Amino acid sequence: MSSPPVVPVASTAELARWMLRRRTRFAVVGPSMEPTLRAGQVVLVNRQADPQVGDVVVAMHPRRSGLKIVKRLAGGSATDGWQLASDNAAEPNSEDSRTFGPVASSAIVGRVTSVVR
């Protein structure tokens, strides 16, 4: 089994996009995306990007109002709904599409572009 794609460390250009408000910061909480992302890391999110299968995204949790989660797009499409997956599927407290099913495109906040720290 191949390892998931790594999210790159923020470049100077990505940090400039954040300063120009073209990126949003998001703090990772919990181990569900290990080894790709660890709890406490801060990522930059492109809210304008069209998500593709394999991308790491921030999405609104479909059952917990106001909760944003970071997951990988494991399948689906904008028309049929997206399957969200944790990279650390063995984490017992992780919720993803195995728990709540596919999510609508409107639930996708944006694509994670890089790690700040």
PDB file of N, CA and C in Angstrom:
ATOM      1  N   MET A   1       0.844  -1.176   0.000  1.00  0.00           N
ATOM      2  CA  MET A   1       0.000   0.000   0.000  1.00  0.00           C
ATOM      3  C   MET A   1       0.892   1.243   0.000  1.00  0.00           C
ATOM      4  N   SER A   2       0.645   2.181  -0.885  1.00  0.00           N
ATOM      5  CA  SER A   2       1.457   3.384  -0.959  1.00  0.00           C
ATOM      6  C   SER A   2       1.004   4.380   0.090  1.00  0.00           C
ATOM      7  N   SER A   3       1.961   5.229   0.512  1.00  0.00           N
ATOM      8  CA  SER A   3       1.619   6.234   1.506  1.00  0.00           C
ATOM      9  C   SER A   3       0.885   7.393   0.841  1.00  0.00           C
ATOM     10  N   PRO A   4       0.052   8.112   1.596  1.00  0.00           N
ATOM     11  CA  PRO A   4      -0.692   9.234   1.027  1.00  0.00           C
ATOM     12  C   PRO A   4       0.237  10.369   0.634  1.00  0.00           C
ATOM     13  N   PRO A   5      -0.172  11.197  -0.319  1.00  0.00           N
ATOM     14  CA  PRO A   5       0.658  12.337  -0.702  1.00  0.00           C
ATOM     15  C   PRO A   5       0.895  13.256   0.493  1.00  0.00           C
ATOM     16  N   VAL A   6       2.070  13.822   0.534  1.00  0.00           N
ATOM     17  CA  VAL A   6       2.444  14.730   1.612  1.00  0.00           C
ATOM     18  C   VAL A   6       1.958  16.132   1.264  1.00  0.00           C
ATOM     19  N   VAL A   7       1.506  16.859   2.257  1.00  0.00           N
ATOM     20  CA  VAL A   7       1.128  18.265   2.072  1.00  0.00           C
ATOM     21  C   VAL A   7       2.409  19.079   2.249  1.00  0.00           C
ATOM     22  N   PRO A   8       2.793  19.903   1.264  1.00  0.00           N
ATOM     23  CA  PRO A   8       4.075  20.617   1.356  1.00  0.00           C
ATOM     24  C   PRO A   8       4.069  21.720   2.408  1.00  0.00           C
ATOM     25  N   VAL A   9       5.272  22.041   2.865  1.00  0.00           N
ATOM     26  CA  VAL A   9       5.451  23.171   3.779  1.00  0.00           C
ATOM     27  C   VAL A   9       5.190  24.447   2.987  1.00  0.00           C
ATOM     28  N   ALA A  10       4.580  25.427   3.631  1.00  0.00           N
ATOM     29  CA  ALA A  10       4.201  26.672   2.966  1.00  0.00           C
ATOM     30  C   ALA A  10       5.420  27.375   2.381  1.00  0.00           C
ATOM     31  N   SER A  11       5.307  27.720   1.124  1.00  0.00           N
ATOM     32  CA  SER A  11       6.349  28.486   0.449  1.00  0.00           C
ATOM     33  C   SER A  11       6.126  29.971   0.726  1.00  0.00           C
ATOM     34  N   THR A  12       7.096  30.772   0.330  1.00  0.00           N
ATOM     35  CA  THR A  12       6.953  32.216   0.463  1.00  0.00           C
ATOM     36  C   THR A  12       5.727  32.701  -0.306  1.00  0.00           C
ATOM     37  N   ALA A  13       5.508  32.126  -1.497  1.00  0.00           N
ATOM     38  CA  ALA A  13       4.343  32.512  -2.302  1.00  0.00           C
ATOM     39  C   ALA A  13       3.037  32.168  -1.585  1.00  0.00           C
ATOM     40  N   GLU A  14       2.970  31.004  -0.954  1.00  0.00           N
ATOM     41  CA  GLU A  14       1.751  30.627  -0.221  1.00  0.00           C
ATOM     42  C   GLU A  14       1.526  31.557   0.970  1.00  0.00           C
ATOM     43  N   LEU A  15       2.594  31.907   1.673  1.00  0.00           N
ATOM     44  CA  LEU A  15       2.452  32.827   2.799  1.00  0.00           C
ATOM     45  C   LEU A  15       1.990  34.203   2.316  1.00  0.00           C
ATOM     46  N   ALA A  16       2.485  34.625   1.168  1.00  0.00           N
ATOM     47  CA  ALA A  16       2.036  35.905   0.598  1.00  0.00           C
ATOM     48  C   ALA A  16       0.549  35.837   0.249  1.00  0.00           C
ATOM     49  N   ARG A  17       0.097  34.705  -0.297  1.00  0.00           N
ATOM     50  CA  ARG A  17      -1.334  34.547  -0.613  1.00  0.00           C
ATOM     51  C   ARG A  17      -2.178  34.624   0.654  1.00  0.00           C
ATOM     52  N   TRP A  18      -1.655  34.062   1.766  1.00  0.00           N
ATOM     53  CA  TRP A  18      -2.376  34.141   3.035  1.00  0.00           C
ATOM     54  C   TRP A  18      -2.450  35.601   3.494  1.00  0.00           C
ATOM     55  N   MET A  19      -1.354  36.320   3.375  1.00  0.00           N
ATOM     56  CA  MET A  19      -1.342  37.719   3.789  1.00  0.00           C
ATOM     57  C   MET A  19      -2.287  38.567   2.935  1.00  0.00           C
ATOM     58  N   LEU A  20      -2.472  38.172   1.676  1.00  0.00           N
ATOM     59  CA  LEU A  20      -3.397  38.864   0.788  1.00  0.00           C
ATOM     60  C   LEU A  20      -4.827  38.334   0.921  1.00  0.00           C
ATOM     61  N   ARG A  21      -5.040  37.481   1.912  1.00  0.00           N
ATOM     62  CA  ARG A  21      -6.354  36.892   2.215  1.00  0.00           C
ATOM     63  C   ARG A  21      -6.870  35.969   1.105  1.00  0.00           C
ATOM     64  N   ARG A  22      -5.945  35.340   0.389  1.00  0.00           N
ATOM     65  CA  ARG A  22      -6.331  34.344  -0.618  1.00  0.00           C
ATOM     66  C   ARG A  22      -6.230  32.935  -0.059  1.00  0.00           C
ATOM     67  N   ARG A  23      -5.770  32.841   1.167  1.00  0.00           N
ATOM     68  CA  ARG A  23      -5.706  31.578   1.884  1.00  0.00           C
ATOM     69  C   ARG A  23      -6.256  31.807   3.282  1.00  0.00           C
ATOM     70  N   THR A  24      -6.820  30.734   3.861  1.00  0.00           N
ATOM     71  CA  THR A  24      -7.340  30.758   5.214  1.00  0.00           C
ATOM     72  C   THR A  24      -6.533  29.783   6.056  1.00  0.00           C
ATOM     73  N   ARG A  25      -6.260  30.152   7.303  1.00  0.00           N
ATOM     74  CA  ARG A  25      -5.554  29.236   8.209  1.00  0.00           C
ATOM     75  C   ARG A  25      -6.544  28.299   8.885  1.00  0.00           C
ATOM     76  N   PHE A  26      -6.067  27.082   9.152  1.00  0.00           N
ATOM     77  CA  PHE A  26      -6.875  26.097   9.850  1.00  0.00           C
ATOM     78  C   PHE A  26      -5.949  25.264  10.721  1.00  0.00           C
ATOM     79  N   ALA A  27      -6.297  25.077  11.973  1.00  0.00           N
ATOM     80  CA  ALA A  27      -5.495  24.276  12.894  1.00  0.00           C
ATOM     81  C   ALA A  27      -5.999  22.837  12.897  1.00  0.00           C
ATOM     82  N   VAL A  28      -5.090  21.908  12.783  1.00  0.00           N
ATOM     83  CA  VAL A  28      -5.418  20.483  12.797  1.00  0.00           C
ATOM     84  C   VAL A  28      -5.572  20.038  14.247  1.00  0.00           C
ATOM     85  N   VAL A  29      -6.662  19.338  14.530  1.00  0.00           N
ATOM     86  CA  VAL A  29      -6.932  18.824  15.868  1.00  0.00           C
ATOM     87  C   VAL A  29      -7.099  17.320  15.765  1.00  0.00           C
ATOM     88  N   GLY A  30      -6.384  16.579  16.575  1.00  0.00           N
ATOM     89  CA  GLY A  30      -6.529  15.134  16.609  1.00  0.00           C
ATOM     90  C   GLY A  30      -5.657  14.404  15.603  1.00  0.00           C
ATOM     91  N   PRO A  31      -5.564  13.087  15.752  1.00  0.00           N
ATOM     92  CA  PRO A  31      -4.648  12.273  14.948  1.00  0.00           C
ATOM     93  C   PRO A  31      -5.254  11.640  13.693  1.00  0.00           C
ATOM     94  N   SER A  32      -6.437  12.045  13.275  1.00  0.00           N
ATOM     95  CA  SER A  32      -7.107  11.331  12.181  1.00  0.00           C
ATOM     96  C   SER A  32      -6.405  11.432  10.837  1.00  0.00           C
ATOM     97  N   MET A  33      -5.546  12.441  10.642  1.00  0.00           N
ATOM     98  CA  MET A  33      -4.864  12.583   9.351  1.00  0.00           C
ATOM     99  C   MET A  33      -3.382  12.211   9.414  1.00  0.00           C
ATOM    100  N   GLU A  34      -2.953  11.590  10.521  1.00  0.00           N
ATOM    101  CA  GLU A  34      -1.570  11.125  10.596  1.00  0.00           C
ATOM    102  C   GLU A  34      -1.361   9.990   9.598  1.00  0.00           C
ATOM    103  N   PRO A  35      -0.235   9.889   8.956  1.00  0.00           N
ATOM    104  CA  PRO A  35       0.986  10.646   9.171  1.00  0.00           C
ATOM    105  C   PRO A  35       1.070  11.931   8.337  1.00  0.00           C
ATOM    106  N   THR A  36       0.087  12.204   7.489  1.00  0.00           N
ATOM    107  CA  THR A  36       0.140  13.370   6.615  1.00  0.00           C
ATOM    108  C   THR A  36       0.136  14.669   7.412  1.00  0.00           C
ATOM    109  N   LEU A  37      -0.786  14.793   8.350  1.00  0.00           N
ATOM    110  CA  LEU A  37      -0.900  15.981   9.200  1.00  0.00           C
ATOM    111  C   LEU A  37      -1.021  15.534  10.649  1.00  0.00           C
ATOM    112  N   ARG A  38      -0.390  16.291  11.538  1.00  0.00           N
ATOM    113  CA  ARG A  38      -0.440  15.976  12.961  1.00  0.00           C
ATOM    114  C   ARG A  38      -1.224  17.034  13.723  1.00  0.00           C
ATOM    115  N   ALA A  39      -1.766  16.636  14.855  1.00  0.00           N
ATOM    116  CA  ALA A  39      -2.474  17.584  15.727  1.00  0.00           C
ATOM    117  C   ALA A  39      -1.540  18.733  16.073  1.00  0.00           C
ATOM    118  N   GLY A  40      -2.080  19.954  16.010  1.00  0.00           N
ATOM    119  CA  GLY A  40      -1.308  21.142  16.329  1.00  0.00           C
ATOM    120  C   GLY A  40      -0.721  21.832  15.113  1.00  0.00           C
ATOM    121  N   GLN A  41      -0.664  21.132  13.977  1.00  0.00           N
ATOM    122  CA  GLN A  41      -0.157  21.788  12.778  1.00  0.00           C
ATOM    123  C   GLN A  41      -1.190  22.783  12.263  1.00  0.00           C
ATOM    124  N   VAL A  42      -0.702  23.814  11.600  1.00  0.00           N
ATOM    125  CA  VAL A  42      -1.564  24.818  10.987  1.00  0.00           C
ATOM    126  C   VAL A  42      -1.377  24.707   9.487  1.00  0.00           C
ATOM    127  N   VAL A  43      -2.496  24.650   8.762  1.00  0.00           N
ATOM    128  CA  VAL A  43      -2.452  24.526   7.309  1.00  0.00           C
ATOM    129  C   VAL A  43      -3.102  25.745   6.673  1.00  0.00           C
ATOM    130  N   LEU A  44      -2.752  25.979   5.396  1.00  0.00           N
ATOM    131  CA  LEU A  44      -3.396  27.025   4.616  1.00  0.00           C
ATOM    132  C   LEU A  44      -4.389  26.368   3.676  1.00  0.00           C
ATOM    133  N   VAL A  45      -5.542  27.012   3.510  1.00  0.00           N
ATOM    134  CA  VAL A  45      -6.645  26.456   2.729  1.00  0.00           C
ATOM    135  C   VAL A  45      -7.022  27.422   1.619  1.00  0.00           C
ATOM    136  N   ASN A  46      -7.127  26.894   0.404  1.00  0.00           N
ATOM    137  CA  ASN A  46      -7.581  27.676  -0.747  1.00  0.00           C
ATOM    138  C   ASN A  46      -9.077  27.446  -0.891  1.00  0.00           C
ATOM    139  N   ARG A  47      -9.869  28.448  -0.564  1.00  0.00           N
ATOM    140  CA  ARG A  47     -11.328  28.331  -0.641  1.00  0.00           C
ATOM    141  C   ARG A  47     -11.839  28.362  -2.080  1.00  0.00           C
ATOM    142  N   GLN A  48     -11.020  28.797  -3.028  1.00  0.00           N
ATOM    143  CA  GLN A  48     -11.447  28.925  -4.422  1.00  0.00           C
ATOM    144  C   GLN A  48     -11.131  27.687  -5.261  1.00  0.00           C
ATOM    145  N   ALA A  49     -10.339  26.763  -4.742  1.00  0.00           N
ATOM    146  CA  ALA A  49      -9.899  25.606  -5.525  1.00  0.00           C
ATOM    147  C   ALA A  49     -11.038  24.622  -5.763  1.00  0.00           C
ATOM    148  N   ASP A  50     -11.047  24.024  -6.934  1.00  0.00           N
ATOM    149  CA  ASP A  50     -11.972  22.932  -7.224  1.00  0.00           C
ATOM    150  C   ASP A  50     -11.335  21.648  -6.708  1.00  0.00           C
ATOM    151  N   PRO A  51     -11.961  20.980  -5.753  1.00  0.00           N
ATOM    152  CA  PRO A  51     -11.332  19.791  -5.174  1.00  0.00           C
ATOM    153  C   PRO A  51     -11.314  18.621  -6.156  1.00  0.00           C
ATOM    154  N   GLN A  52     -10.276  17.815  -6.014  1.00  0.00           N
ATOM    155  CA  GLN A  52     -10.107  16.613  -6.815  1.00  0.00           C
ATOM    156  C   GLN A  52      -9.889  15.431  -5.872  1.00  0.00           C
ATOM    157  N   VAL A  53     -10.247  14.243  -6.320  1.00  0.00           N
ATOM    158  CA  VAL A  53     -10.003  13.043  -5.520  1.00  0.00           C
ATOM    159  C   VAL A  53      -8.513  12.977  -5.190  1.00  0.00           C
ATOM    160  N   GLY A  54      -8.205  12.716  -3.936  1.00  0.00           N
ATOM    161  CA  GLY A  54      -6.827  12.662  -3.457  1.00  0.00           C
ATOM    162  C   GLY A  54      -6.415  13.906  -2.699  1.00  0.00           C
ATOM    163  N   ASP A  55      -7.126  15.020  -2.897  1.00  0.00           N
ATOM    164  CA  ASP A  55      -6.808  16.265  -2.189  1.00  0.00           C
ATOM    165  C   ASP A  55      -7.154  16.144  -0.709  1.00  0.00           C
ATOM    166  N   VAL A  56      -6.395  16.853   0.112  1.00  0.00           N
ATOM    167  CA  VAL A  56      -6.747  17.030   1.522  1.00  0.00           C
ATOM    168  C   VAL A  56      -7.566  18.311   1.586  1.00  0.00           C
ATOM    169  N   VAL A  57      -8.723  18.238   2.235  1.00  0.00           N
ATOM    170  CA  VAL A  57      -9.643  19.370   2.274  1.00  0.00           C
ATOM    171  C   VAL A  57     -10.100  19.650   3.696  1.00  0.00           C
ATOM    172  N   VAL A  58     -10.625  20.842   3.880  1.00  0.00           N
ATOM    173  CA  VAL A  58     -11.358  21.186   5.095  1.00  0.00           C
ATOM    174  C   VAL A  58     -12.826  21.182   4.701  1.00  0.00           C
ATOM    175  N   ALA A  59     -13.648  20.550   5.513  1.00  0.00           N
ATOM    176  CA  ALA A  59     -15.080  20.434   5.213  1.00  0.00           C
ATOM    177  C   ALA A  59     -15.888  20.666   6.485  1.00  0.00           C
ATOM    178  N   MET A  60     -17.123  21.033   6.291  1.00  0.00           N
ATOM    179  CA  MET A  60     -18.054  21.156   7.421  1.00  0.00           C
ATOM    180  C   MET A  60     -18.559  19.754   7.764  1.00  0.00           C
ATOM    181  N   HIS A  61     -18.547  19.436   9.042  1.00  0.00           N
ATOM    182  CA  HIS A  61     -19.059  18.137   9.482  1.00  0.00           C
ATOM    183  C   HIS A  61     -20.564  18.107   9.226  1.00  0.00           C
ATOM    184  N   PRO A  62     -21.077  17.073   8.570  1.00  0.00           N
ATOM    185  CA  PRO A  62     -22.502  17.062   8.218  1.00  0.00           C
ATOM    186  C   PRO A  62     -23.463  16.873   9.387  1.00  0.00           C
ATOM    187  N   ARG A  63     -22.965  16.391  10.517  1.00  0.00           N
ATOM    188  CA  ARG A  63     -23.860  16.136  11.647  1.00  0.00           C
ATOM    189  C   ARG A  63     -23.586  17.002  12.873  1.00  0.00           C
ATOM    190  N   ARG A  64     -22.498  17.772  12.843  1.00  0.00           N
ATOM    191  CA  ARG A  64     -22.130  18.581  14.004  1.00  0.00           C
ATOM    192  C   ARG A  64     -21.971  20.024  13.543  1.00  0.00           C
ATOM    193  N   SER A  65     -23.015  20.775  13.712  1.00  0.00           N
ATOM    194  CA  SER A  65     -23.091  22.146  13.224  1.00  0.00           C
ATOM    195  C   SER A  65     -21.892  22.990  13.662  1.00  0.00           C
ATOM    196  N   GLY A  66     -21.279  23.658  12.682  1.00  0.00           N
ATOM    197  CA  GLY A  66     -20.180  24.563  12.951  1.00  0.00           C
ATOM    198  C   GLY A  66     -18.816  23.905  13.063  1.00  0.00           C
ATOM    199  N   LEU A  67     -18.751  22.583  13.081  1.00  0.00           N
ATOM    200  CA  LEU A  67     -17.476  21.879  13.219  1.00  0.00           C
ATOM    201  C   LEU A  67     -16.825  21.690  11.854  1.00  0.00           C
ATOM    202  N   LYS A  68     -15.583  22.159  11.724  1.00  0.00           N
ATOM    203  CA  LYS A  68     -14.810  21.950  10.500  1.00  0.00           C
ATOM    204  C   LYS A  68     -13.861  20.788  10.726  1.00  0.00           C
ATOM    205  N   ILE A  69     -13.714  19.947   9.713  1.00  0.00           N
ATOM    206  CA  ILE A  69     -12.842  18.784   9.795  1.00  0.00           C
ATOM    207  C   ILE A  69     -11.885  18.774   8.610  1.00  0.00           C
ATOM    208  N   VAL A  70     -10.736  18.166   8.797  1.00  0.00           N
ATOM    209  CA  VAL A  70      -9.772  18.018   7.708  1.00  0.00           C
ATOM    210  C   VAL A  70      -9.724  16.537   7.331  1.00  0.00           C
ATOM    211  N   LYS A  71      -9.952  16.256   6.058  1.00  0.00           N
ATOM    212  CA  LYS A  71     -10.012  14.878   5.556  1.00  0.00           C
ATOM    213  C   LYS A  71      -9.486  14.836   4.126  1.00  0.00           C
ATOM    214  N   ARG A  72      -9.305  13.630   3.615  1.00  0.00           N
ATOM    215  CA  ARG A  72      -8.897  13.435   2.235  1.00  0.00           C
ATOM    216  C   ARG A  72     -10.129  13.099   1.393  1.00  0.00           C
ATOM    217  N   LEU A  73     -10.218  13.679   0.190  1.00  0.00           N
ATOM    218  CA  LEU A  73     -11.291  13.305  -0.741  1.00  0.00           C
ATOM    219  C   LEU A  73     -10.937  11.940  -1.305  1.00  0.00           C
ATOM    220  N   ALA A  74     -11.688  10.944  -0.905  1.00  0.00           N
ATOM    221  CA  ALA A  74     -11.368   9.565  -1.286  1.00  0.00           C
ATOM    222  C   ALA A  74     -12.121   9.119  -2.531  1.00  0.00           C
ATOM    223  N   GLY A  75     -13.142   9.842  -2.909  1.00  0.00           N
ATOM    224  CA  GLY A  75     -13.929   9.464  -4.077  1.00  0.00           C
ATOM    225  C   GLY A  75     -15.129  10.368  -4.210  1.00  0.00           C
ATOM    226  N   GLY A  76     -15.901  10.094  -5.242  1.00  0.00           N
ATOM    227  CA  GLY A  76     -17.101  10.871  -5.479  1.00  0.00           C
ATOM    228  C   GLY A  76     -16.860  12.003  -6.448  1.00  0.00           C
ATOM    229  N   SER A  77     -17.811  12.920  -6.468  1.00  0.00           N
ATOM    230  CA  SER A  77     -17.732  14.063  -7.372  1.00  0.00           C
ATOM    231  C   SER A  77     -18.611  15.186  -6.838  1.00  0.00           C
ATOM    232  N   ALA A  78     -18.514  16.325  -7.513  1.00  0.00           N
ATOM    233  CA  ALA A  78     -19.316  17.482  -7.103  1.00  0.00           C
ATOM    234  C   ALA A  78     -20.806  17.211  -7.268  1.00  0.00           C
ATOM    235  N   THR A  79     -21.178  16.364  -8.200  1.00  0.00           N
ATOM    236  CA  THR A  79     -22.605  16.106  -8.449  1.00  0.00           C
ATOM    237  C   THR A  79     -23.172  15.002  -7.571  1.00  0.00           C
ATOM    238  N   ASP A  80     -22.362  14.004  -7.232  1.00  0.00           N
ATOM    239  CA  ASP A  80     -22.869  12.861  -6.461  1.00  0.00           C
ATOM    240  C   ASP A  80     -22.545  12.911  -4.983  1.00  0.00           C
ATOM    241  N   GLY A  81     -21.724  13.866  -4.580  1.00  0.00           N
ATOM    242  CA  GLY A  81     -21.277  13.936  -3.194  1.00  0.00           C
ATOM    243  C   GLY A  81     -19.875  13.372  -3.067  1.00  0.00           C
ATOM    244  N   TRP A  82     -19.145  13.871  -2.081  1.00  0.00           N
ATOM    245  CA  TRP A  82     -17.751  13.488  -1.868  1.00  0.00           C
ATOM    246  C   TRP A  82     -17.623  12.499  -0.728  1.00  0.00           C
ATOM    247  N   GLN A  83     -16.769  11.520  -0.911  1.00  0.00           N
ATOM    248  CA  GLN A  83     -16.406  10.580   0.150  1.00  0.00           C
ATOM    249  C   GLN A  83     -15.174  11.147   0.852  1.00  0.00           C
ATOM    250  N   LEU A  84     -15.273  11.401   2.136  1.00  0.00           N
ATOM    251  CA  LEU A  84     -14.160  11.915   2.927  1.00  0.00           C
ATOM    252  C   LEU A  84     -13.549  10.773   3.715  1.00  0.00           C
ATOM    253  N   ALA A  85     -12.216  10.739   3.765  1.00  0.00           N
ATOM    254  CA  ALA A  85     -11.534   9.660   4.480  1.00  0.00           C
ATOM    255  C   ALA A  85     -10.439  10.221   5.366  1.00  0.00           C
ATOM    256  N   SER A  86     -10.257   9.572   6.498  1.00  0.00           N
ATOM    257  CA  SER A  86      -9.140   9.869   7.379  1.00  0.00           C
ATOM    258  C   SER A  86      -7.934   9.099   6.866  1.00  0.00           C
ATOM    259  N   ASP A  87      -6.746   9.700   6.906  1.00  0.00           N
ATOM    260  CA  ASP A  87      -5.543   8.956   6.531  1.00  0.00           C
ATOM    261  C   ASP A  87      -5.207   7.918   7.589  1.00  0.00           C
ATOM    262  N   ASN A  88      -5.599   8.167   8.822  1.00  0.00           N
ATOM    263  CA  ASN A  88      -5.361   7.254   9.940  1.00  0.00           C
ATOM    264  C   ASN A  88      -6.680   6.556  10.274  1.00  0.00           C
ATOM    265  N   ALA A  89      -7.102   5.657   9.400  1.00  0.00           N
ATOM    266  CA  ALA A  89      -8.404   4.999   9.546  1.00  0.00           C
ATOM    267  C   ALA A  89      -8.501   4.159  10.816  1.00  0.00           C
ATOM    268  N   ALA A  90      -7.371   3.789  11.390  1.00  0.00           N
ATOM    269  CA  ALA A  90      -7.388   2.983  12.612  1.00  0.00           C
ATOM    270  C   ALA A  90      -7.700   3.810  13.858  1.00  0.00           C
ATOM    271  N   GLU A  91      -7.668   5.126  13.738  1.00  0.00           N
ATOM    272  CA  GLU A  91      -7.963   5.998  14.881  1.00  0.00           C
ATOM    273  C   GLU A  91      -9.422   5.794  15.288  1.00  0.00           C
ATOM    274  N   PRO A  92      -9.677   5.303  16.507  1.00  0.00           N
ATOM    275  CA  PRO A  92     -11.047   4.961  16.898  1.00  0.00           C
ATOM    276  C   PRO A  92     -12.007   6.144  17.025  1.00  0.00           C
ATOM    277  N   ASN A  93     -11.493   7.340  17.269  1.00  0.00           N
ATOM    278  CA  ASN A  93     -12.376   8.495  17.449  1.00  0.00           C
ATOM    279  C   ASN A  93     -12.579   9.299  16.174  1.00  0.00           C
ATOM    280  N   SER A  94     -12.022   8.831  15.066  1.00  0.00           N
ATOM    281  CA  SER A  94     -12.115   9.565  13.803  1.00  0.00           C
ATOM    282  C   SER A  94     -13.458   9.305  13.127  1.00  0.00           C
ATOM    283  N   GLU A  95     -14.061  10.378  12.641  1.00  0.00           N
ATOM    284  CA  GLU A  95     -15.296  10.259  11.871  1.00  0.00           C
ATOM    285  C   GLU A  95     -15.024  10.712  10.452  1.00  0.00           C
ATOM    286  N   ASP A  96     -15.512   9.932   9.496  1.00  0.00           N
ATOM    287  CA  ASP A  96     -15.401  10.302   8.088  1.00  0.00           C
ATOM    288  C   ASP A  96     -16.608   9.713   7.369  1.00  0.00           C
ATOM    289  N   SER A  97     -16.546   9.588   6.059  1.00  0.00           N
ATOM    290  CA  SER A  97     -17.718   9.113   5.310  1.00  0.00           C
ATOM    291  C   SER A  97     -18.113   7.683   5.657  1.00  0.00           C
ATOM    292  N   ARG A  98     -17.221   6.928   6.293  1.00  0.00           N
ATOM    293  CA  ARG A  98     -17.618   5.597   6.780  1.00  0.00           C
ATOM    294  C   ARG A  98     -18.678   5.737   7.858  1.00  0.00           C
ATOM    295  N   THR A  99     -18.656   6.862   8.580  1.00  0.00           N
ATOM    296  CA  THR A  99     -19.594   7.134   9.664  1.00  0.00           C
ATOM    297  C   THR A  99     -20.812   7.899   9.182  1.00  0.00           C
ATOM    298  N   PHE A 100     -20.594   8.973   8.396  1.00  0.00           N
ATOM    299  CA  PHE A 100     -21.701   9.869   8.041  1.00  0.00           C
ATOM    300  C   PHE A 100     -22.060   9.892   6.567  1.00  0.00           C
ATOM    301  N   GLY A 101     -21.421   9.093   5.743  1.00  0.00           N
ATOM    302  CA  GLY A 101     -21.757   9.036   4.323  1.00  0.00           C
ATOM    303  C   GLY A 101     -21.139  10.180   3.537  1.00  0.00           C
ATOM    304  N   PRO A 102     -21.499  10.298   2.264  1.00  0.00           N
ATOM    305  CA  PRO A 102     -20.915  11.358   1.430  1.00  0.00           C
ATOM    306  C   PRO A 102     -21.396  12.739   1.864  1.00  0.00           C
ATOM    307  N   VAL A 103     -20.594  13.756   1.531  1.00  0.00           N
ATOM    308  CA  VAL A 103     -20.970  15.135   1.843  1.00  0.00           C
ATOM    309  C   VAL A 103     -21.171  15.912   0.547  1.00  0.00           C
ATOM    310  N   ALA A 104     -22.019  16.900   0.603  1.00  0.00           N
ATOM    311  CA  ALA A 104     -22.301  17.742  -0.560  1.00  0.00           C
ATOM    312  C   ALA A 104     -21.110  18.654  -0.847  1.00  0.00           C
ATOM    313  N   SER A 105     -21.018  19.103  -2.083  1.00  0.00           N
ATOM    314  CA  SER A 105     -19.956  20.044  -2.469  1.00  0.00           C
ATOM    315  C   SER A 105     -19.996  21.305  -1.624  1.00  0.00           C
ATOM    316  N   SER A 106     -21.183  21.707  -1.228  1.00  0.00           N
ATOM    317  CA  SER A 106     -21.310  22.924  -0.412  1.00  0.00           C
ATOM    318  C   SER A 106     -20.669  22.769   0.964  1.00  0.00           C
ATOM    319  N   ALA A 107     -20.414  21.540   1.398  1.00  0.00           N
ATOM    320  CA  ALA A 107     -19.769  21.300   2.689  1.00  0.00           C
ATOM    321  C   ALA A 107     -18.254  21.451   2.616  1.00  0.00           C
ATOM    322  N   ILE A 108     -17.694  21.449   1.407  1.00  0.00           N
ATOM    323  CA  ILE A 108     -16.246  21.569   1.247  1.00  0.00           C
ATOM    324  C   ILE A 108     -15.857  23.038   1.394  1.00  0.00           C
ATOM    325  N   VAL A 109     -15.050  23.343   2.392  1.00  0.00           N
ATOM    326  CA  VAL A 109     -14.605  24.707   2.655  1.00  0.00           C
ATOM    327  C   VAL A 109     -13.490  25.079   1.674  1.00  0.00           C
ATOM    328  N   GLY A 110     -12.556  24.159   1.458  1.00  0.00           N
ATOM    329  CA  GLY A 110     -11.456  24.420   0.543  1.00  0.00           C
ATOM    330  C   GLY A 110     -10.404  23.338   0.587  1.00  0.00           C
ATOM    331  N   ARG A 111      -9.427  23.459  -0.313  1.00  0.00           N
ATOM    332  CA  ARG A 111      -8.345  22.484  -0.439  1.00  0.00           C
ATOM    333  C   ARG A 111      -7.142  22.951   0.379  1.00  0.00           C
ATOM    334  N   VAL A 112      -6.548  22.039   1.137  1.00  0.00           N
ATOM    335  CA  VAL A 112      -5.351  22.350   1.883  1.00  0.00           C
ATOM    336  C   VAL A 112      -4.191  22.461   0.901  1.00  0.00           C
ATOM    337  N   THR A 113      -3.497  23.594   0.949  1.00  0.00           N
ATOM    338  CA  THR A 113      -2.404  23.835   0.010  1.00  0.00           C
ATOM    339  C   THR A 113      -1.034  23.610   0.630  1.00  0.00           C
ATOM    340  N   SER A 114      -0.919  23.826   1.948  1.00  0.00           N
ATOM    341  CA  SER A 114       0.397  23.707   2.572  1.00  0.00           C
ATOM    342  C   SER A 114       0.295  23.738   4.089  1.00  0.00           C
ATOM    343  N   VAL A 115       1.395  23.351   4.710  1.00  0.00           N
ATOM    344  CA  VAL A 115       1.510  23.362   6.173  1.00  0.00           C
ATOM    345  C   VAL A 115       2.338  24.574   6.567  1.00  0.00           C
ATOM    346  N   VAL A 116       1.835  25.347   7.529  1.00  0.00           N
ATOM    347  CA  VAL A 116       2.581  26.500   8.030  1.00  0.00           C
ATOM    348  C   VAL A 116       3.556  26.063   9.115  1.00  0.00           C
ATOM    349  N   ARG A 117       3.075  25.256  10.034  1.00  0.00           N
ATOM    350  CA  ARG A 117       3.949  24.739  11.102  1.00  0.00           C
ATOM    351  C   ARG A 117       3.435  23.397  11.573  1.00  0.00           C
TER     352      ARG A 117
END
